[in-house]
Amino acid sequence: MTITAVSDSFSRTYPRTVTSSEGNIVLRLMNADDAAAVLAFAQGLPAHDLLFLPRDITEPKVMNAWVRAIERGDIDSVLAVRGTTVLGCAAVIRDPHSWSSHVAELRLLAAPELRGSGLGHRLAREACALAIERGAEKLVARMTVDQRSAIAVFQALGFRPEALLSKHVKDRQGVTHDLVVLSHDVAQFEAQMRAYGMTEAF
C-alpha cells in the first residue's frame, strides 16, 4: 500500500526505498502490524539510548499505547526497514488538545551498527518534513547531553539548544542524567529558505 502525505508545498510518499552506505533501506509509516518488530528493535537498543523518551518503549504495554496513538492520529512514525527487520524509527508527536498544539516533538532511534551511515539524518529529515506537513509551527527534540551524534544531526537541520533539564531522567541503575531540549522555528526557517530561492524545507 502506498501512502502519500500532502502539504501545500511538497509531499512524502511511502513506502520509499533510499540508499545508504549500508545498502538499500525502505522507509514506510508504522502501523499496528509493526508493533512486535518495533518492540524487538527497542529491546535490542542500549538502555541509555532510550533515556530521552518519557516512557520505556521496551515494555509491551507502552508499545501498545504507541500504536493506539498512531491510530488516533496523534503520532506519525516512520520506520526504516530491511526485509522484516527494523533498523530505525522516527516519530512526530502532537497533542491537538493542549495549549501547545502548534508544537511537534520529534523522537529518533537508530540501530547502533548503522550510526554514521546517514540513516539518522535521513530519518530526522523525514520527521521534520512530516511535522511541517501536519502544520507544526515549532519543532522540539530532546536527548541526553552525551548523545552528541544525535544532537549534531538535529543541529545540522537548523535546531538550536533551548533548555537544559538538570538531572531530569534516572537510568535503571539509579543514576540521573541531564536532558537538552533543541528547538526549531518553522516560519523563520522557511523564510530563510525562500530568501535563498529554495521552496522545499527539507
Protein backbone atom coordinates (compact mmCIF):
# COMPACT_ATOMS: atom_id res chain seq x y z
CA MET A 1 0.00 0.00 0.00
CA THR A 2 1.31 3.45 -0.90
CA ILE A 3 0.56 6.34 1.44
CA THR A 4 1.04 9.93 0.40
CA ALA A 5 1.24 12.77 2.90
CA VAL A 6 0.33 16.04 1.20
CA SER A 7 1.01 19.68 2.07
CA ASP A 8 0.77 22.91 0.09
CA SER A 9 4.43 22.76 -0.96
CA PHE A 10 5.54 19.14 -1.11
CA SER A 11 4.55 15.58 -0.27
CA ARG A 12 6.06 12.45 1.24
CA THR A 13 5.21 9.12 -0.35
CA TYR A 14 5.57 5.78 1.43
CA PRO A 15 6.89 3.18 1.12
CA ARG A 16 10.06 4.58 -0.44
CA THR A 17 13.45 2.97 -0.99
CA VAL A 18 16.53 5.04 -0.13
CA THR A 19 20.21 4.27 -0.41
CA SER A 20 22.72 4.36 2.42
CA SER A 21 26.31 3.31 2.90
CA GLU A 22 24.89 0.03 4.20
CA GLY A 23 22.69 -0.65 1.16
CA ASN A 24 19.04 -0.02 0.30
CA ILE A 25 16.57 0.69 3.09
CA VAL A 26 12.80 1.05 2.87
CA LEU A 27 11.08 3.95 4.64
CA ARG A 28 7.42 3.42 5.49
CA LEU A 29 4.83 4.52 8.01
CA MET A 30 4.40 2.37 11.11
CA ASN A 31 1.08 0.64 11.76
CA ALA A 32 -0.32 -1.82 14.30
CA ASP A 33 1.15 -4.81 12.47
CA ASP A 34 4.65 -3.48 13.16
CA ALA A 35 4.33 -3.46 16.95
CA ALA A 36 6.19 -6.74 17.55
CA ALA A 37 9.07 -5.83 15.22
CA VAL A 38 9.45 -2.34 16.70
CA LEU A 39 9.33 -3.80 20.21
CA ALA A 40 12.13 -6.22 19.29
CA PHE A 41 14.12 -3.33 17.83
CA ALA A 42 13.69 -1.26 21.01
CA GLN A 43 14.61 -4.17 23.26
CA GLY A 44 17.85 -4.60 21.31
CA LEU A 45 18.98 -1.00 21.83
CA PRO A 46 21.34 0.07 24.63
CA ALA A 47 19.25 1.19 27.61
CA HIS A 48 20.98 4.58 27.64
CA ASP A 49 19.66 5.29 24.13
CA LEU A 50 16.11 5.28 25.49
CA LEU A 51 16.54 7.67 28.41
CA PHE A 52 15.27 10.71 26.48
CA LEU A 53 11.89 9.03 25.97
CA PRO A 54 9.18 9.81 28.53
CA ARG A 55 8.19 6.12 28.67
CA ASP A 56 10.08 2.84 28.37
CA ILE A 57 9.17 1.54 24.90
CA THR A 58 10.70 -1.86 25.67
CA GLU A 59 7.52 -2.55 27.66
CA PRO A 60 4.72 -4.15 25.57
CA LYS A 61 2.03 -2.00 27.23
CA VAL A 62 3.91 1.15 26.23
CA MET A 63 4.25 -0.12 22.66
CA ASN A 64 0.51 -0.80 22.60
CA ALA A 65 -0.14 2.79 23.73
CA TRP A 66 2.15 3.99 20.92
CA VAL A 67 0.11 2.05 18.36
CA ARG A 68 -3.15 3.46 19.72
CA ALA A 69 -1.73 6.99 19.44
CA ILE A 70 -0.83 6.31 15.79
CA GLU A 71 -4.36 5.09 15.14
CA ARG A 72 -5.79 8.25 16.75
CA GLY A 73 -3.59 10.40 14.55
CA ASP A 74 -1.57 11.88 17.44
CA ILE A 75 1.70 10.27 16.28
CA ASP A 76 3.27 9.69 12.88
CA SER A 77 6.09 7.14 12.95
CA VAL A 78 8.42 6.42 10.04
CA LEU A 79 10.25 3.10 10.09
CA ALA A 80 13.48 2.26 8.31
CA VAL A 81 13.35 -1.44 7.48
CA ARG A 82 15.24 -4.07 5.55
CA GLY A 83 13.04 -7.08 4.97
CA THR A 84 11.24 -7.65 8.26
CA THR A 85 13.97 -6.06 10.39
CA VAL A 86 13.51 -2.58 11.84
CA LEU A 87 16.75 -0.57 11.59
CA GLY A 88 15.46 2.74 12.90
CA CYS A 89 12.40 4.85 13.52
CA ALA A 90 11.38 8.47 13.82
CA ALA A 91 8.24 9.75 15.48
CA VAL A 92 6.33 13.03 15.29
CA ILE A 93 4.23 13.57 18.41
CA ARG A 94 1.46 16.15 18.67
CA ASP A 95 -1.18 16.93 21.29
CA PRO A 96 -4.08 18.62 19.47
CA HIS A 97 -5.89 19.28 22.77
CA SER A 98 -3.08 21.14 24.55
CA TRP A 99 -2.05 24.80 24.57
CA SER A 100 0.97 23.64 22.56
CA SER A 101 -0.96 22.11 19.68
CA HIS A 102 1.30 24.05 17.28
CA VAL A 103 4.37 22.21 18.60
CA ALA A 104 5.57 18.81 17.40
CA GLU A 105 8.10 16.75 19.32
CA LEU A 106 10.46 14.65 17.22
CA ARG A 107 11.98 11.41 18.51
CA LEU A 108 14.66 9.43 16.70
CA LEU A 109 16.19 5.99 17.21
CA ALA A 110 18.66 4.10 15.01
CA ALA A 111 20.38 0.74 15.33
CA PRO A 112 23.92 1.21 16.74
CA GLU A 113 25.51 -0.63 13.82
CA LEU A 114 24.04 1.90 11.36
CA ARG A 115 25.21 5.04 13.10
CA GLY A 116 27.43 7.05 10.82
CA SER A 117 25.67 5.64 7.73
CA GLY A 118 23.44 8.70 7.28
CA LEU A 119 20.30 6.85 8.40
CA GLY A 120 19.77 9.06 11.45
CA HIS A 121 19.98 12.21 9.36
CA ARG A 122 17.57 10.74 6.80
CA LEU A 123 15.02 9.83 9.48
CA ALA A 124 15.34 13.23 11.15
CA ARG A 125 14.63 14.92 7.82
CA GLU A 126 11.57 12.71 7.30
CA ALA A 127 10.27 13.58 10.75
CA CYS A 128 10.78 17.32 10.16
CA ALA A 129 9.00 17.17 6.81
CA LEU A 130 6.06 15.24 8.24
CA ALA A 131 5.73 17.63 11.16
CA ILE A 132 5.65 20.62 8.83
CA GLU A 133 3.08 18.91 6.60
CA ARG A 134 0.90 18.37 9.67
CA GLY A 135 1.01 22.11 10.35
CA ALA A 136 3.58 22.29 13.15
CA GLU A 137 4.94 25.79 13.75
CA LYS A 138 7.66 24.76 16.18
CA LEU A 139 9.67 21.54 16.39
CA VAL A 140 11.40 20.27 19.51
CA ALA A 141 13.69 17.33 20.21
CA ARG A 142 15.32 16.25 23.42
CA MET A 143 18.17 13.91 24.27
CA THR A 144 20.73 13.30 26.98
CA VAL A 145 23.64 15.73 26.80
CA ASP A 146 26.13 12.97 25.96
CA GLN A 147 24.22 11.89 22.82
CA ARG A 148 26.46 14.14 20.76
CA SER A 149 25.82 12.44 17.42
CA ALA A 150 22.06 12.85 17.79
CA ILE A 151 22.48 16.48 18.81
CA ALA A 152 24.67 17.07 15.74
CA VAL A 153 22.03 15.52 13.46
CA PHE A 154 19.36 17.95 14.64
CA GLN A 155 21.67 20.95 14.69
CA ALA A 156 22.54 20.23 11.06
CA LEU A 157 18.81 20.67 10.31
CA GLY A 158 18.67 24.07 11.98
CA PHE A 159 17.74 23.11 15.57
CA ARG A 160 19.28 25.15 18.37
CA PRO A 161 19.59 24.49 22.13
CA GLU A 162 16.69 25.97 24.07
CA ALA A 163 16.84 24.44 27.55
CA LEU A 164 18.85 22.17 29.81
CA LEU A 165 16.85 19.97 32.17
CA SER A 166 19.19 19.07 35.02
CA LYS A 167 19.02 15.54 36.47
CA HIS A 168 15.77 15.05 34.56
CA VAL A 169 15.91 11.28 33.97
CA LYS A 170 17.14 8.38 36.05
CA ASP A 171 18.51 5.19 34.49
CA ARG A 172 17.94 1.64 35.70
CA GLN A 173 20.98 1.90 37.98
CA GLY A 174 19.53 4.98 39.66
CA VAL A 175 21.97 7.43 38.05
CA THR A 176 20.48 10.76 36.98
CA HIS A 177 21.19 12.40 33.62
CA ASP A 178 20.62 15.85 32.14
CA LEU A 179 18.44 16.38 29.08
CA VAL A 180 18.99 19.06 26.46
CA VAL A 181 15.99 20.44 24.56
CA LEU A 182 16.59 21.61 20.98
CA SER A 183 14.02 23.63 19.04
CA HIS A 184 13.34 24.82 15.51
CA ASP A 185 11.14 27.74 14.44
CA VAL A 186 9.48 26.59 11.20
CA ALA A 187 8.37 30.02 9.95
CA GLN A 188 11.83 31.51 10.45
CA PHE A 189 13.48 28.61 8.67
CA GLU A 190 11.07 28.71 5.72
CA ALA A 191 11.63 32.46 5.38
CA GLN A 192 15.36 31.84 5.18
CA MET A 193 14.84 29.17 2.53
CA ARG A 194 12.67 31.49 0.45
CA ALA A 195 15.35 34.16 0.71
CA TYR A 196 17.80 31.71 -0.85
CA GLY A 197 15.31 30.69 -3.53
CA MET A 198 14.58 27.26 -2.02
CA THR A 199 10.87 26.35 -1.86
CA GLU A 200 11.15 22.95 -0.15
CA ALA A 201 12.08 23.00 3.51
CA PHE A 202 13.57 19.52 3.60
